[in-house]
Amino acid sequence: MNFSKKDLWPKKGKLKKGLIVMTIVIISALLLTLLEEKTNFKHTKKLTFAIALACIGVWIYQPNKKEIL
């Protein structure tokens, strides 16, 4: 059995969205920590709120659903 990256990554559904949201959260947390350590940058609540909105947007986004208003 030989698996490739495409075999392991889910093609649709909540698992794929969950992995994308988790990736956004982990990368943003690492970047914020790096900025705080290197430049003494102090983030505000607005920045974490923007990250949370991005995660919610990824979770709600449904590209295959075409609804005509």
PDB file of N, CA and C in Angstrom:
ATOM      1  N   MET A   1       0.840  -1.185   0.000  1.00  0.00           N
ATOM      2  CA  MET A   1       0.000   0.000   0.000  1.00  0.00           C
ATOM      3  C   MET A   1       0.876   1.235   0.000  1.00  0.00           C
ATOM      4  N   ASN A   2       0.709   2.023  -1.022  1.00  0.00           N
ATOM      5  CA  ASN A   2       1.481   3.236  -1.148  1.00  0.00           C
ATOM      6  C   ASN A   2       0.514   4.415  -1.227  1.00  0.00           C
ATOM      7  N   PHE A   3       0.562   5.308  -0.228  1.00  0.00           N
ATOM      8  CA  PHE A   3      -0.337   6.456  -0.171  1.00  0.00           C
ATOM      9  C   PHE A   3       0.379   7.703  -0.647  1.00  0.00           C
ATOM     10  N   SER A   4      -0.358   8.540  -1.339  1.00  0.00           N
ATOM     11  CA  SER A   4       0.177   9.844  -1.711  1.00  0.00           C
ATOM     12  C   SER A   4      -0.535  10.901  -0.869  1.00  0.00           C
ATOM     13  N   LYS A   5      -0.111  12.148  -0.999  1.00  0.00           N
ATOM     14  CA  LYS A   5      -0.745  13.232  -0.247  1.00  0.00           C
ATOM     15  C   LYS A   5      -2.201  13.399  -0.658  1.00  0.00           C
ATOM     16  N   LYS A   6      -2.501  13.180  -1.916  1.00  0.00           N
ATOM     17  CA  LYS A   6      -3.875  13.342  -2.401  1.00  0.00           C
ATOM     18  C   LYS A   6      -4.800  12.271  -1.835  1.00  0.00           C
ATOM     19  N   ASP A   7      -4.275  11.100  -1.530  1.00  0.00           N
ATOM     20  CA  ASP A   7      -5.095  10.048  -0.945  1.00  0.00           C
ATOM     21  C   ASP A   7      -5.453  10.349   0.503  1.00  0.00           C
ATOM     22  N   LEU A   8      -4.567  11.013   1.219  1.00  0.00           N
ATOM     23  CA  LEU A   8      -4.794  11.291   2.631  1.00  0.00           C
ATOM     24  C   LEU A   8      -5.662  12.519   2.866  1.00  0.00           C
ATOM     25  N   TRP A   9      -5.610  13.511   1.977  1.00  0.00           N
ATOM     26  CA  TRP A   9      -6.350  14.752   2.165  1.00  0.00           C
ATOM     27  C   TRP A   9      -7.800  14.555   1.748  1.00  0.00           C
ATOM     28  N   PRO A  10      -8.771  14.907   2.609  1.00  0.00           N
ATOM     29  CA  PRO A  10     -10.180  14.745   2.242  1.00  0.00           C
ATOM     30  C   PRO A  10     -10.570  15.695   1.103  1.00  0.00           C
ATOM     31  N   LYS A  11     -11.426  15.231   0.237  1.00  0.00           N
ATOM     32  CA  LYS A  11     -11.789  16.008  -0.938  1.00  0.00           C
ATOM     33  C   LYS A  11     -12.933  16.980  -0.676  1.00  0.00           C
ATOM     34  N   LYS A  12     -13.793  16.702   0.302  1.00  0.00           N
ATOM     35  CA  LYS A  12     -14.893  17.600   0.628  1.00  0.00           C
ATOM     36  C   LYS A  12     -15.366  17.294   2.035  1.00  0.00           C
ATOM     37  N   GLY A  13     -16.244  18.132   2.521  1.00  0.00           N
ATOM     38  CA  GLY A  13     -16.886  17.873   3.798  1.00  0.00           C
ATOM     39  C   GLY A  13     -16.300  18.639   4.964  1.00  0.00           C
ATOM     40  N   LYS A  14     -16.838  18.316   6.142  1.00  0.00           N
ATOM     41  CA  LYS A  14     -16.466  19.018   7.361  1.00  0.00           C
ATOM     42  C   LYS A  14     -15.030  18.736   7.785  1.00  0.00           C
ATOM     43  N   LEU A  15     -14.527  17.566   7.485  1.00  0.00           N
ATOM     44  CA  LEU A  15     -13.143  17.249   7.855  1.00  0.00           C
ATOM     45  C   LEU A  15     -12.170  18.156   7.120  1.00  0.00           C
ATOM     46  N   LYS A  16     -12.411  18.388   5.825  1.00  0.00           N
ATOM     47  CA  LYS A  16     -11.532  19.259   5.050  1.00  0.00           C
ATOM     48  C   LYS A  16     -11.586  20.684   5.586  1.00  0.00           C
ATOM     49  N   LYS A  17     -12.795  21.179   5.863  1.00  0.00           N
ATOM     50  CA  LYS A  17     -12.921  22.526   6.416  1.00  0.00           C
ATOM     51  C   LYS A  17     -12.270  22.618   7.789  1.00  0.00           C
ATOM     52  N   GLY A  18     -12.438  21.582   8.582  1.00  0.00           N
ATOM     53  CA  GLY A  18     -11.827  21.570   9.910  1.00  0.00           C
ATOM     54  C   GLY A  18     -10.318  21.612   9.849  1.00  0.00           C
ATOM     55  N   LEU A  19      -9.743  20.873   8.906  1.00  0.00           N
ATOM     56  CA  LEU A  19      -8.283  20.894   8.745  1.00  0.00           C
ATOM     57  C   LEU A  19      -7.786  22.251   8.262  1.00  0.00           C
ATOM     58  N   ILE A  20      -8.544  22.900   7.383  1.00  0.00           N
ATOM     59  CA  ILE A  20      -8.156  24.237   6.909  1.00  0.00           C
ATOM     60  C   ILE A  20      -8.220  25.239   8.048  1.00  0.00           C
ATOM     61  N   VAL A  21      -9.280  25.197   8.843  1.00  0.00           N
ATOM     62  CA  VAL A  21      -9.416  26.109   9.984  1.00  0.00           C
ATOM     63  C   VAL A  21      -8.295  25.865  10.991  1.00  0.00           C
ATOM     64  N   MET A  22      -7.999  24.596  11.272  1.00  0.00           N
ATOM     65  CA  MET A  22      -6.932  24.283  12.209  1.00  0.00           C
ATOM     66  C   MET A  22      -5.583  24.789  11.698  1.00  0.00           C
ATOM     67  N   THR A  23      -5.357  24.681  10.402  1.00  0.00           N
ATOM     68  CA  THR A  23      -4.116  25.185   9.813  1.00  0.00           C
ATOM     69  C   THR A  23      -4.014  26.699   9.956  1.00  0.00           C
ATOM     70  N   ILE A  24      -5.117  27.409   9.707  1.00  0.00           N
ATOM     71  CA  ILE A  24      -5.120  28.872   9.859  1.00  0.00           C
ATOM     72  C   ILE A  24      -4.801  29.257  11.297  1.00  0.00           C
ATOM     73  N   VAL A  25      -5.412  28.586  12.247  1.00  0.00           N
ATOM     74  CA  VAL A  25      -5.200  28.912  13.661  1.00  0.00           C
ATOM     75  C   VAL A  25      -3.761  28.629  14.080  1.00  0.00           C
ATOM     76  N   ILE A  26      -3.219  27.497  13.686  1.00  0.00           N
ATOM     77  CA  ILE A  26      -1.858  27.145  14.081  1.00  0.00           C
ATOM     78  C   ILE A  26      -0.837  28.093  13.458  1.00  0.00           C
ATOM     79  N   ILE A  27      -0.973  28.375  12.179  1.00  0.00           N
ATOM     80  CA  ILE A  27      -0.020  29.275  11.514  1.00  0.00           C
ATOM     81  C   ILE A  27      -0.104  30.687  12.078  1.00  0.00           C
ATOM     82  N   SER A  28      -1.324  31.181  12.315  1.00  0.00           N
ATOM     83  CA  SER A  28      -1.443  32.531  12.861  1.00  0.00           C
ATOM     84  C   SER A  28      -0.895  32.603  14.288  1.00  0.00           C
ATOM     85  N   ALA A  29      -1.102  31.566  15.089  1.00  0.00           N
ATOM     86  CA  ALA A  29      -0.554  31.560  16.448  1.00  0.00           C
ATOM     87  C   ALA A  29       0.973  31.536  16.426  1.00  0.00           C
ATOM     88  N   LEU A  30       1.538  30.742  15.523  1.00  0.00           N
ATOM     89  CA  LEU A  30       2.995  30.710  15.414  1.00  0.00           C
ATOM     90  C   LEU A  30       3.557  32.044  14.929  1.00  0.00           C
ATOM     91  N   LEU A  31       2.888  32.665  13.965  1.00  0.00           N
ATOM     92  CA  LEU A  31       3.356  33.969  13.481  1.00  0.00           C
ATOM     93  C   LEU A  31       3.248  35.054  14.548  1.00  0.00           C
ATOM     94  N   LEU A  32       2.149  35.049  15.321  1.00  0.00           N
ATOM     95  CA  LEU A  32       2.009  36.028  16.391  1.00  0.00           C
ATOM     96  C   LEU A  32       3.083  35.837  17.456  1.00  0.00           C
ATOM     97  N   THR A  33       3.374  34.599  17.798  1.00  0.00           N
ATOM     98  CA  THR A  33       4.415  34.322  18.782  1.00  0.00           C
ATOM     99  C   THR A  33       5.782  34.756  18.267  1.00  0.00           C
ATOM    100  N   LEU A  34       6.051  34.478  17.002  1.00  0.00           N
ATOM    101  CA  LEU A  34       7.327  34.883  16.411  1.00  0.00           C
ATOM    102  C   LEU A  34       7.472  36.399  16.398  1.00  0.00           C
ATOM    103  N   LEU A  35       6.402  37.105  16.026  1.00  0.00           N
ATOM    104  CA  LEU A  35       6.453  38.570  16.021  1.00  0.00           C
ATOM    105  C   LEU A  35       6.656  39.127  17.428  1.00  0.00           C
ATOM    106  N   GLU A  36       5.987  38.538  18.419  1.00  0.00           N
ATOM    107  CA  GLU A  36       6.160  39.012  19.790  1.00  0.00           C
ATOM    108  C   GLU A  36       7.584  38.805  20.283  1.00  0.00           C
ATOM    109  N   GLU A  37       8.169  37.691  19.924  1.00  0.00           N
ATOM    110  CA  GLU A  37       9.526  37.385  20.386  1.00  0.00           C
ATOM    111  C   GLU A  37      10.576  38.246  19.684  1.00  0.00           C
ATOM    112  N   LYS A  38      10.450  38.434  18.394  1.00  0.00           N
ATOM    113  CA  LYS A  38      11.485  39.117  17.622  1.00  0.00           C
ATOM    114  C   LYS A  38      11.371  40.637  17.646  1.00  0.00           C
ATOM    115  N   THR A  39      10.136  41.152  17.627  1.00  0.00           N
ATOM    116  CA  THR A  39       9.973  42.606  17.481  1.00  0.00           C
ATOM    117  C   THR A  39       9.235  43.253  18.643  1.00  0.00           C
ATOM    118  N   ASN A  40       8.918  42.494  19.688  1.00  0.00           N
ATOM    119  CA  ASN A  40       8.133  42.996  20.824  1.00  0.00           C
ATOM    120  C   ASN A  40       6.780  43.550  20.383  1.00  0.00           C
ATOM    121  N   PHE A  41       6.219  42.966  19.347  1.00  0.00           N
ATOM    122  CA  PHE A  41       4.915  43.347  18.827  1.00  0.00           C
ATOM    123  C   PHE A  41       3.832  42.786  19.746  1.00  0.00           C
ATOM    124  N   LYS A  42       2.953  43.632  20.209  1.00  0.00           N
ATOM    125  CA  LYS A  42       1.847  43.196  21.058  1.00  0.00           C
ATOM    126  C   LYS A  42       0.563  43.267  20.245  1.00  0.00           C
ATOM    127  N   HIS A  43      -0.039  42.114  20.038  1.00  0.00           N
ATOM    128  CA  HIS A  43      -1.270  42.092  19.248  1.00  0.00           C
ATOM    129  C   HIS A  43      -2.459  42.523  20.105  1.00  0.00           C
ATOM    130  N   THR A  44      -3.479  43.006  19.439  1.00  0.00           N
ATOM    131  CA  THR A  44      -4.685  43.453  20.125  1.00  0.00           C
ATOM    132  C   THR A  44      -5.791  42.427  19.908  1.00  0.00           C
ATOM    133  N   LYS A  45      -6.913  42.675  20.528  1.00  0.00           N
ATOM    134  CA  LYS A  45      -8.052  41.781  20.368  1.00  0.00           C
ATOM    135  C   LYS A  45      -8.603  41.838  18.943  1.00  0.00           C
ATOM    136  N   LYS A  46      -8.375  42.947  18.254  1.00  0.00           N
ATOM    137  CA  LYS A  46      -8.870  43.083  16.889  1.00  0.00           C
ATOM    138  C   LYS A  46      -8.204  42.074  15.951  1.00  0.00           C
ATOM    139  N   LEU A  47      -6.940  41.805  16.168  1.00  0.00           N
ATOM    140  CA  LEU A  47      -6.219  40.862  15.315  1.00  0.00           C
ATOM    141  C   LEU A  47      -6.732  39.437  15.519  1.00  0.00           C
ATOM    142  N   THR A  48      -6.938  39.049  16.760  1.00  0.00           N
ATOM    143  CA  THR A  48      -7.471  37.711  17.014  1.00  0.00           C
ATOM    144  C   THR A  48      -8.916  37.605  16.539  1.00  0.00           C
ATOM    145  N   PHE A  49      -9.657  38.694  16.594  1.00  0.00           N
ATOM    146  CA  PHE A  49     -11.027  38.707  16.076  1.00  0.00           C
ATOM    147  C   PHE A  49     -11.025  38.525  14.556  1.00  0.00           C
ATOM    148  N   ALA A  50     -10.076  39.135  13.868  1.00  0.00           N
ATOM    149  CA  ALA A  50      -9.966  38.968  12.416  1.00  0.00           C
ATOM    150  C   ALA A  50      -9.623  37.520  12.052  1.00  0.00           C
ATOM    151  N   ILE A  51      -8.756  36.892  12.836  1.00  0.00           N
ATOM    152  CA  ILE A  51      -8.421  35.491  12.599  1.00  0.00           C
ATOM    153  C   ILE A  51      -9.643  34.609  12.820  1.00  0.00           C
ATOM    154  N   ALA A  52     -10.417  34.908  13.859  1.00  0.00           N
ATOM    155  CA  ALA A  52     -11.630  34.131  14.128  1.00  0.00           C
ATOM    156  C   ALA A  52     -12.644  34.313  12.997  1.00  0.00           C
ATOM    157  N   LEU A  53     -12.779  35.521  12.472  1.00  0.00           N
ATOM    158  CA  LEU A  53     -13.689  35.753  11.345  1.00  0.00           C
ATOM    159  C   LEU A  53     -13.242  34.997  10.101  1.00  0.00           C
ATOM    160  N   ALA A  54     -11.944  34.934   9.874  1.00  0.00           N
ATOM    161  CA  ALA A  54     -11.439  34.168   8.729  1.00  0.00           C
ATOM    162  C   ALA A  54     -11.772  32.691   8.882  1.00  0.00           C
ATOM    163  N   CYS A  55     -11.646  32.168  10.074  1.00  0.00           N
ATOM    164  CA  CYS A  55     -11.975  30.759  10.318  1.00  0.00           C
ATOM    165  C   CYS A  55     -13.468  30.504  10.124  1.00  0.00           C
ATOM    166  N   ILE A  56     -14.301  31.401  10.604  1.00  0.00           N
ATOM    167  CA  ILE A  56     -15.744  31.252  10.412  1.00  0.00           C
ATOM    168  C   ILE A  56     -16.101  31.343   8.940  1.00  0.00           C
ATOM    169  N   GLY A  57     -15.446  32.248   8.218  1.00  0.00           N
ATOM    170  CA  GLY A  57     -15.687  32.370   6.784  1.00  0.00           C
ATOM    171  C   GLY A  57     -15.329  31.114   6.022  1.00  0.00           C
ATOM    172  N   VAL A  58     -14.227  30.484   6.385  1.00  0.00           N
ATOM    173  CA  VAL A  58     -13.839  29.222   5.742  1.00  0.00           C
ATOM    174  C   VAL A  58     -14.872  28.152   6.047  1.00  0.00           C
ATOM    175  N   TRP A  59     -15.351  28.118   7.278  1.00  0.00           N
ATOM    176  CA  TRP A  59     -16.300  27.080   7.672  1.00  0.00           C
ATOM    177  C   TRP A  59     -17.647  27.250   6.956  1.00  0.00           C
ATOM    178  N   ILE A  60     -18.094  28.495   6.763  1.00  0.00           N
ATOM    179  CA  ILE A  60     -19.402  28.760   6.154  1.00  0.00           C
ATOM    180  C   ILE A  60     -19.353  28.660   4.630  1.00  0.00           C
ATOM    181  N   TYR A  61     -18.215  28.933   4.026  1.00  0.00           N
ATOM    182  CA  TYR A  61     -18.078  28.975   2.568  1.00  0.00           C
ATOM    183  C   TYR A  61     -18.464  27.648   1.931  1.00  0.00           C
ATOM    184  N   GLN A  62     -19.335  27.719   0.937  1.00  0.00           N
ATOM    185  CA  GLN A  62     -19.776  26.533   0.211  1.00  0.00           C
ATOM    186  C   GLN A  62     -19.708  26.822  -1.286  1.00  0.00           C
ATOM    187  N   PRO A  63     -18.620  26.456  -1.939  1.00  0.00           N
ATOM    188  CA  PRO A  63     -18.449  26.815  -3.348  1.00  0.00           C
ATOM    189  C   PRO A  63     -19.371  26.055  -4.304  1.00  0.00           C
ATOM    190  N   ASN A  64     -19.824  24.877  -3.915  1.00  0.00           N
ATOM    191  CA  ASN A  64     -20.619  24.065  -4.832  1.00  0.00           C
ATOM    192  C   ASN A  64     -22.097  24.424  -4.800  1.00  0.00           C
ATOM    193  N   LYS A  65     -22.538  25.139  -3.811  1.00  0.00           N
ATOM    194  CA  LYS A  65     -23.939  25.482  -3.677  1.00  0.00           C
ATOM    195  C   LYS A  65     -24.216  26.742  -4.500  1.00  0.00           C
ATOM    196  N   LYS A  66     -24.994  26.605  -5.556  1.00  0.00           N
ATOM    197  CA  LYS A  66     -25.309  27.745  -6.407  1.00  0.00           C
ATOM    198  C   LYS A  66     -26.774  28.081  -6.228  1.00  0.00           C
ATOM    199  N   GLU A  67     -27.006  29.159  -5.488  1.00  0.00           N
ATOM    200  CA  GLU A  67     -28.365  29.571  -5.209  1.00  0.00           C
ATOM    201  C   GLU A  67     -28.619  30.915  -5.879  1.00  0.00           C
ATOM    202  N   ILE A  68     -29.624  30.967  -6.698  1.00  0.00           N
ATOM    203  CA  ILE A  68     -29.955  32.200  -7.411  1.00  0.00           C
ATOM    204  C   ILE A  68     -30.999  32.944  -6.627  1.00  0.00           C
ATOM    205  N   LEU A  69     -30.729  34.200  -6.347  1.00  0.00           N
ATOM    206  CA  LEU A  69     -31.671  35.019  -5.569  1.00  0.00           C
ATOM    207  C   LEU A  69     -32.656  35.716  -6.447  1.00  0.00           C
TER     208      LEU A  69
END
